[in-house]
N, C-alpha and C. Protein backbone atom coordinates (compact mmCIF):
# COMPACT_ATOMS: atom_id res chain seq x y z
N UNK A 1 -1.23 -0.33 -17.62
CA UNK A 1 -0.28 0.03 -16.69
C UNK A 1 0.03 -0.86 -15.79
N UNK A 2 1.29 -1.58 -15.54
CA UNK A 2 1.64 -2.40 -14.31
C UNK A 2 1.49 -1.72 -13.00
N UNK A 3 1.27 -2.28 -11.62
CA UNK A 3 1.40 -1.46 -10.60
C UNK A 3 3.01 -1.48 -10.41
N UNK A 4 3.27 -0.28 -9.78
CA UNK A 4 4.67 0.06 -9.43
C UNK A 4 4.96 -0.21 -8.09
N UNK A 5 6.10 -0.74 -7.94
CA UNK A 5 6.62 -0.97 -6.40
C UNK A 5 7.28 0.19 -5.73
N UNK A 6 6.39 0.89 -4.81
CA UNK A 6 6.97 2.29 -4.15
C UNK A 6 6.95 2.08 -2.63
N UNK A 7 8.00 2.34 -2.23
CA UNK A 7 7.98 2.27 -0.64
C UNK A 7 8.46 3.75 -0.16
N UNK A 8 8.01 4.45 0.74
CA UNK A 8 8.68 5.96 0.95
C UNK A 8 9.07 5.62 2.43
N UNK A 9 10.06 6.38 2.69
CA UNK A 9 10.79 6.19 4.24
C UNK A 9 11.22 7.42 4.44
N UNK A 10 10.82 8.09 5.64
CA UNK A 10 11.32 9.47 6.13
C UNK A 10 12.83 9.25 6.62
N UNK A 11 13.65 10.17 5.89
CA UNK A 11 14.96 9.79 6.24
C UNK A 11 15.70 11.32 6.41
N UNK A 12 16.18 11.46 7.47
CA UNK A 12 16.87 13.00 7.65
C UNK A 12 15.94 14.04 7.33
N UNK A 13 16.18 14.98 6.51
CA UNK A 13 15.24 16.25 6.18
C UNK A 13 14.38 16.07 4.94
N UNK A 14 14.24 14.57 4.74
CA UNK A 14 13.40 14.46 3.58
C UNK A 14 12.83 13.05 3.27
N UNK A 15 12.57 12.75 2.23
CA UNK A 15 11.89 11.18 1.88
C UNK A 15 12.59 10.30 1.03
N UNK A 16 12.86 9.28 1.30
CA UNK A 16 13.66 8.21 0.31
C UNK A 16 12.67 7.60 -0.29
N UNK A 17 12.41 7.54 -1.67
CA UNK A 17 11.34 6.96 -2.47
C UNK A 17 11.86 6.01 -3.18
N UNK A 18 11.51 4.78 -2.99
CA UNK A 18 12.19 3.66 -3.81
C UNK A 18 11.05 3.25 -4.88
N UNK A 19 11.41 3.39 -6.19
CA UNK A 19 10.27 3.12 -7.19
C UNK A 19 10.72 2.21 -8.13
N UNK A 20 10.09 1.07 -8.16
CA UNK A 20 10.66 -0.05 -8.89
C UNK A 20 12.28 -0.25 -8.99
N UNK A 21 12.68 -0.17 -7.50
CA UNK A 21 14.09 -0.49 -7.21
C UNK A 21 14.94 0.79 -7.46
N UNK A 22 14.45 1.90 -8.20
CA UNK A 22 15.23 3.11 -8.26
C UNK A 22 15.05 3.93 -6.99
N UNK A 23 15.96 4.38 -6.38
CA UNK A 23 16.05 5.14 -5.10
C UNK A 23 16.05 6.81 -5.54
N UNK A 24 15.03 7.47 -5.17
CA UNK A 24 14.88 8.82 -5.27
C UNK A 24 14.89 9.53 -3.82
N UNK A 25 15.64 10.54 -3.72
CA UNK A 25 15.72 11.47 -2.43
C UNK A 25 14.95 12.42 -2.45
N UNK A 26 13.88 12.83 -1.78
CA UNK A 26 13.20 13.99 -2.13
C UNK A 26 13.34 15.02 -0.70
N UNK A 27 14.43 15.92 -1.05
CA UNK A 27 14.71 17.05 -0.07
C UNK A 27 13.71 17.77 0.76
N UNK A 28 13.41 17.62 1.80
CA UNK A 28 12.66 18.62 2.51
C UNK A 28 11.26 18.43 2.13
N UNK A 29 10.93 17.13 1.84
CA UNK A 29 9.48 16.79 1.57
C UNK A 29 8.98 15.48 2.69
N UNK A 30 7.78 15.45 3.20
CA UNK A 30 7.44 14.53 4.24
C UNK A 30 6.83 13.28 3.43
N UNK A 31 6.79 12.04 3.73
CA UNK A 31 6.27 11.03 3.10
C UNK A 31 4.85 11.41 3.00
N UNK A 32 3.98 11.81 4.01
CA UNK A 32 2.61 12.03 3.82
C UNK A 32 2.32 12.92 2.65
N UNK A 33 3.43 14.08 2.50
CA UNK A 33 3.47 14.88 1.37
C UNK A 33 3.40 14.30 0.07
N UNK A 34 4.03 13.18 -0.03
CA UNK A 34 4.20 12.54 -1.21
C UNK A 34 3.15 11.54 -1.47
N UNK A 35 2.65 11.13 -0.71
CA UNK A 35 1.62 9.88 -0.84
C UNK A 35 0.38 10.37 -1.79
N UNK A 36 -0.07 11.73 -1.66
CA UNK A 36 -1.09 12.11 -2.37
C UNK A 36 -0.47 12.18 -3.90
N UNK A 37 0.55 12.38 -4.16
CA UNK A 37 1.30 12.44 -5.59
C UNK A 37 1.13 10.99 -6.18
N UNK A 38 1.04 10.07 -5.54
CA UNK A 38 1.22 8.75 -6.10
C UNK A 38 -0.16 8.01 -6.35
N UNK A 39 -1.01 8.69 -6.46
CA UNK A 39 -2.49 8.10 -6.72
C UNK A 39 -2.29 7.45 -8.21
N UNK A 40 -1.66 7.78 -9.03
CA UNK A 40 -1.55 7.14 -10.49
C UNK A 40 -0.93 5.69 -10.39
N UNK A 41 -0.78 5.04 -9.15
CA UNK A 41 -0.01 3.89 -9.06
C UNK A 41 -1.26 2.94 -9.02
């Protein structure tokens, strides 16, 4: 599996995650909460 390009940015009341150019907004979730879930990268 090729590595994914992931960036996490705290925004408003959640986290904006950009994964391979796709923007996903995670409502009510802090970036630190998300990082543990991206170990598969």
